[in-house]
Every structure is written in structure tokens, then in C-alpha cells.
Protein backbone atom coordinates (compact mmCIF):
# COMPACT_ATOMS: atom_id res chain seq x y z
CA MET A 1 14.47 -9.90 8.52
CA LYS A 2 11.25 -10.10 10.62
CA THR A 3 9.13 -7.03 11.22
CA LYS A 4 8.61 -5.67 14.57
CA PRO A 5 5.60 -6.92 16.68
CA ILE A 6 2.48 -4.69 16.87
CA VAL A 7 2.33 -2.24 19.80
CA LEU A 8 -1.21 -0.86 19.98
CA ILE A 9 -2.26 0.87 23.25
CA ILE A 10 -4.30 4.05 23.06
CA LEU A 11 -6.02 6.29 20.55
CA LEU A 12 -2.87 8.63 20.26
CA MET A 13 -0.97 5.64 18.98
CA PHE A 14 -3.48 4.73 16.10
CA ILE A 15 -0.78 5.83 13.59
CA CYS A 16 1.65 3.52 15.31
CA GLN A 17 -0.74 0.65 14.95
CA PHE A 18 0.14 0.59 11.18
CA MET A 19 3.64 1.62 11.83
CA GLY A 20 4.23 -1.07 14.41
CA PHE A 21 4.78 -3.45 11.49
CA SER A 22 7.60 -1.28 10.10
CA GLN A 23 11.33 -0.64 10.42
CA GLU A 24 12.52 3.01 10.35
CA SER A 25 15.19 3.50 7.66
CA THR A 26 16.15 5.93 4.91
CA PRO A 27 13.86 5.74 2.00
CA ILE A 28 14.96 3.61 -0.92
CA ILE A 29 12.21 4.52 -3.46
CA LEU A 30 9.63 6.74 -1.79
CA ASP A 31 11.61 9.89 -0.96
CA GLY A 32 8.51 12.01 -1.06
CA PRO A 33 6.26 13.73 -0.48
CA GLU A 34 8.44 14.85 2.41
CA ASP A 35 5.72 15.87 4.67
CA TRP A 36 3.97 12.52 4.36
CA LYS A 37 4.86 9.85 7.08
CA TYR A 38 7.23 7.35 5.71
CA GLU A 39 7.38 3.57 6.73
CA LYS A 40 9.26 0.62 5.46
CA ILE A 41 8.20 -3.13 5.95
CA ASP A 42 10.28 -6.06 4.93
CA PHE A 43 8.75 -9.38 3.68
CA PRO A 44 7.57 -11.54 5.15
CA LEU A 45 4.95 -9.26 6.41
CA ASP A 46 3.87 -10.06 10.06
CA PHE A 47 0.26 -9.27 9.26
CA ALA A 48 0.14 -11.13 5.99
CA PRO A 49 2.92 -14.00 6.42
CA SER A 50 1.39 -16.19 3.72
CA LEU A 51 2.39 -13.77 0.99
CA PRO A 52 5.23 -15.81 -0.62
CA TYR A 53 7.37 -12.91 -1.67
CA GLU A 54 10.84 -11.52 -1.03
CA GLY A 55 11.68 -7.86 -0.80
CA PHE A 56 10.13 -4.91 0.92
CA GLU A 57 7.37 -2.47 1.06
CA GLU A 58 7.58 1.40 1.39
CA LEU A 59 4.68 3.68 2.26
CA ARG A 60 3.93 7.40 2.52
CA PHE A 61 0.83 8.42 4.53
CA ALA A 62 -0.84 11.75 3.89
CA PRO A 63 -1.00 14.09 6.94
CA GLY A 64 -4.86 13.37 7.35
CA MET A 65 -4.45 9.64 6.90
CA PHE A 66 -6.12 8.82 10.21
CA ASP A 67 -8.41 11.92 10.42
CA ILE A 68 -11.86 10.92 9.26
CA GLU A 69 -12.71 14.74 8.68
CA SER A 70 -9.64 15.31 6.49
CA SER A 71 -9.72 15.49 2.73
CA THR A 72 -6.66 13.19 2.85
CA TYR A 73 -8.31 10.65 5.11
CA PHE A 74 -6.96 7.19 4.35
CA THR A 75 -4.84 8.60 1.51
CA TYR A 76 -1.50 7.12 0.91
CA LEU A 77 0.87 5.63 -1.61
CA PHE A 78 3.05 2.51 -1.45
CA VAL A 79 5.60 0.48 -3.47
CA LEU A 80 6.24 -3.22 -3.17
CA SER A 81 9.75 -4.12 -4.36
CA ILE A 82 9.53 -7.83 -5.10
CA GLN A 83 12.57 -10.00 -5.86
CA ASN A 84 12.64 -13.22 -7.82
CA LYS A 85 9.27 -12.82 -9.47
CA GLU A 86 9.17 -11.41 -12.99
CA GLU A 87 5.38 -11.28 -13.53
CA LEU A 88 2.11 -10.95 -11.46
CA SER A 89 -1.07 -11.95 -13.17
CA LYS A 90 -4.34 -10.16 -12.36
CA SER A 91 -5.39 -13.06 -10.36
CA GLU A 92 -2.21 -13.06 -8.39
CA LEU A 93 -2.49 -9.33 -7.69
CA LYS A 94 -6.05 -9.83 -6.50
CA THR A 95 -4.84 -12.51 -4.04
CA LEU A 96 -2.02 -10.44 -2.89
CA LEU A 97 -4.18 -7.44 -2.05
CA SER A 98 -6.88 -9.58 -0.53
CA LYS A 99 -4.31 -11.29 1.85
CA TYR A 100 -2.63 -8.02 2.62
CA TYR A 101 -5.84 -6.05 3.52
CA LYS A 102 -7.55 -8.95 5.23
CA GLY A 103 -4.31 -9.57 7.29
CA LEU A 104 -3.93 -5.98 8.15
CA TYR A 105 -7.47 -5.55 9.27
CA SER A 106 -7.39 -8.84 11.31
CA ALA A 107 -4.07 -7.88 13.10
CA VAL A 108 -5.27 -4.45 14.08
CA ALA A 109 -8.78 -5.47 14.99
CA ALA A 110 -7.66 -8.27 17.19
CA SER A 111 -5.28 -5.98 19.03
CA LYS A 112 -8.19 -3.83 19.75
CA LYS A 113 -10.48 -6.68 20.69
CA MET A 114 -12.80 -5.75 17.76
CA GLU A 115 -15.10 -8.41 16.24
CA ILE A 116 -13.37 -9.74 13.19
CA ASP A 117 -15.18 -10.45 9.98
CA THR A 118 -12.97 -10.46 6.95
CA SER A 119 -15.78 -11.55 4.59
CA GLN A 120 -16.54 -7.84 4.23
CA ILE A 121 -13.18 -6.99 2.81
CA LYS A 122 -13.12 -7.53 -0.92
CA VAL A 123 -11.00 -6.50 -3.93
CA HIS A 124 -12.49 -5.46 -7.28
CA PHE A 125 -10.25 -5.07 -10.29
CA GLY A 126 -11.16 -3.12 -13.33
CA GLU A 127 -9.89 -3.91 -16.77
CA LEU A 128 -6.13 -3.65 -17.65
CA LYS A 129 -5.42 -0.30 -19.00
CA LYS A 130 -3.95 -0.41 -22.49
CA SER A 131 -0.41 0.73 -22.74
CA SER A 132 2.57 0.40 -25.09
CA SER A 133 5.07 0.12 -22.25
CA PRO A 134 6.00 -3.08 -20.48
CA THR A 135 4.15 -1.83 -17.30
CA LYS A 136 0.62 -2.93 -16.48
CA ASN A 137 -1.86 -0.37 -15.09
CA TYR A 138 -5.12 -1.36 -13.12
CA SER A 139 -7.90 0.51 -11.48
CA VAL A 140 -8.86 -1.35 -8.21
CA GLN A 141 -11.49 -0.79 -5.52
CA ILE A 142 -11.25 -2.30 -2.03
CA ASP A 143 -13.96 -2.78 0.38
CA PHE A 144 -12.14 -2.17 3.72
CA ILE A 145 -13.10 -1.64 7.35
CA ASP A 146 -11.32 1.26 9.10
CA CYS A 147 -10.04 -0.64 12.07
CA PHE A 148 -7.69 2.29 12.92
CA THR A 149 -10.31 4.90 13.79
CA ASN A 150 -14.09 4.43 13.67
CA GLY A 151 -14.54 0.76 12.69
CA GLN A 152 -16.69 1.85 9.69
CA ASN A 153 -16.63 0.44 6.17
CA VAL A 154 -14.57 2.57 3.65
CA LEU A 155 -14.36 2.05 -0.08
CA LEU A 156 -10.70 2.71 -1.18
CA ASN A 157 -9.99 3.60 -4.77
CA MET A 158 -6.56 2.46 -6.06
CA GLU A 159 -4.49 2.89 -9.26
CA LEU A 160 -1.87 0.27 -9.45
CA GLU A 161 1.06 -0.15 -11.82
CA VAL A 162 3.24 -3.18 -12.12
CA ILE A 163 6.69 -2.29 -13.33
CA PRO A 164 9.23 -4.94 -14.32
CA LYS A 165 12.72 -4.63 -13.05
CA LYS A 166 15.36 -4.42 -15.76
CA GLN A 167 18.63 -5.07 -13.80
CA LEU A 168 17.42 -7.61 -11.42
CA LYS A 169 14.87 -10.35 -11.47
CA GLY A 170 11.78 -8.93 -9.98
CA LEU A 171 9.16 -6.12 -10.23
CA TYR A 172 7.68 -3.14 -8.50
CA VAL A 173 4.05 -2.82 -7.64
CA LEU A 174 3.46 1.04 -7.41
CA SER A 175 0.08 2.16 -6.01
CA ILE A 176 -1.79 5.29 -5.05
CA VAL A 177 -4.85 5.04 -2.69
CA SER A 178 -7.72 7.24 -1.48
CA PRO A 179 -11.46 6.99 -0.82
CA GLN A 180 -11.96 10.32 -2.57
CA SER A 181 -13.39 10.34 -6.06
CA ASN A 182 -10.76 9.76 -8.77
CA GLN A 183 -11.59 13.29 -9.97
CA SER A 184 -10.90 15.01 -6.73
CA VAL A 185 -7.97 17.36 -6.12
CA ILE A 186 -6.00 14.80 -4.04
CA TRP A 187 -5.72 12.49 -7.00
CA LYS A 188 -3.94 15.13 -9.03
CA GLU A 189 -1.27 15.16 -6.25
CA LEU A 190 -1.15 11.41 -5.89
CA ARG A 191 -0.64 10.90 -9.67
CA GLU A 192 2.01 13.57 -9.78
CA ALA A 193 3.85 11.96 -6.84
CA LYS A 194 3.55 8.55 -8.44
CA GLU A 195 5.01 9.76 -11.84
CA LYS A 196 7.82 11.49 -10.00
CA ILE A 197 8.70 8.36 -8.09
CA LYS A 198 8.56 6.28 -11.26
CA LEU A 199 10.67 8.59 -13.31
CA GLN A 200 13.22 10.03 -10.71
CA LYS A 201 13.59 7.04 -8.45
CA ILE A 202 12.54 3.65 -10.03
CA MET A 203 14.02 4.51 -13.40
CA LEU A 204 17.13 5.93 -11.78
CA ILE A 205 17.67 2.66 -9.86
CA GLU A 206 17.00 0.60 -12.96
CA ASN A 207 19.44 2.55 -15.09
CA ARG A 208 22.37 2.62 -12.82
């Protein structure tokens, strides 16, 4: 199913600029935090059509996502539910995130007639965190340009977990994102939300 075209008009619709790629629906995985804006996008993604995956993405945006003065500015969580792909290497994840963020930036910037320079958008992976579980955990940093509000560079911190599907051939990529320091208060909320989603939703789906 193709995603809806971008509809970007005025400042009041900045939130809708990201949301214009999405379809409204009942959450499958991200049923919280309830006061965070929910969106769902099906693959192929309109802003990153070269990503060769089947499935969907769900996102939850913090209330201050597009408020540069907010402590939850550019803070959100997302999950990719990918079908027919049982493993993603570190290199594949880096390519995925690079195409995703460059595509998102290019689409929004073009709609606002901004100068486009994707060379500034870079993805930096830390070492794989050791774990006895079949999941893989990474710390990631992304040099991004906030094309939604002020056009300024923003460094996004990300904690990413790849979770294999048990019942069906595929995997989940569960991520939490914020420019705030990893020791800040918002990260406690993000990590708690991530664990709740993993334990109460993903594991429930997998154990049906």
C-alpha cells in the first residue's frame, strides 16, 4: 500500500509534514505513551523508496517534538516491523538509517524550497552491546538537519534494538531517539516505554 503524498503548507502544519507520509490506524505495537502523537507508515516509504523492505513503521512523538524550547524537542520512538528479513547487519542498519534520514530531510526540505545538502546527514554506530539474548543493541548518533522547524543542525542520540520474530520470518527494529544527553530525565521515560513495548506488545504478539 502506497503512503499518502506530502501536504506541507504553513508553520501550523509542521507536525503534519512528517505525518503526511502516514496512514491513520489503530496501533499494532506502539500503544503508548498515549499522550504522544501516533503515526503508522507502510513500506515502501514515499520519502525513502529505495529501502527494499516489506512491512510497516510505527512512531510516537513526544508532545514537544517540534518545539525547539521543549525538553522533549525531537524526542520520539519508533518500531520497524520488517517481513521476510531474518537478520540485519550493522552495515545494513547504517544504510537503512542513512537512506531514511536523508530521504526524510530531502522530501521535507524540497517541499519548503530549502537548499538541500544531504552530505551533512551522517550516521555513527557505536559498538554492539553484549547480550545473552538473541536481540542486538546499538548506540547510534545521527547528524541531522531540522528541516521541520529552524533548519539548524541537530545531533540525535538513538538506542536501537533488533529483535528477531519467532513466529514469522522477519524482525523488529525498536528505537528511541532524543538530542538530549543519554543521562537526562527524558531517557528514563524513553527506556521505560521501550521495555514496556518489548515485553507487553512484541513478546505478546510473538507468543500468541
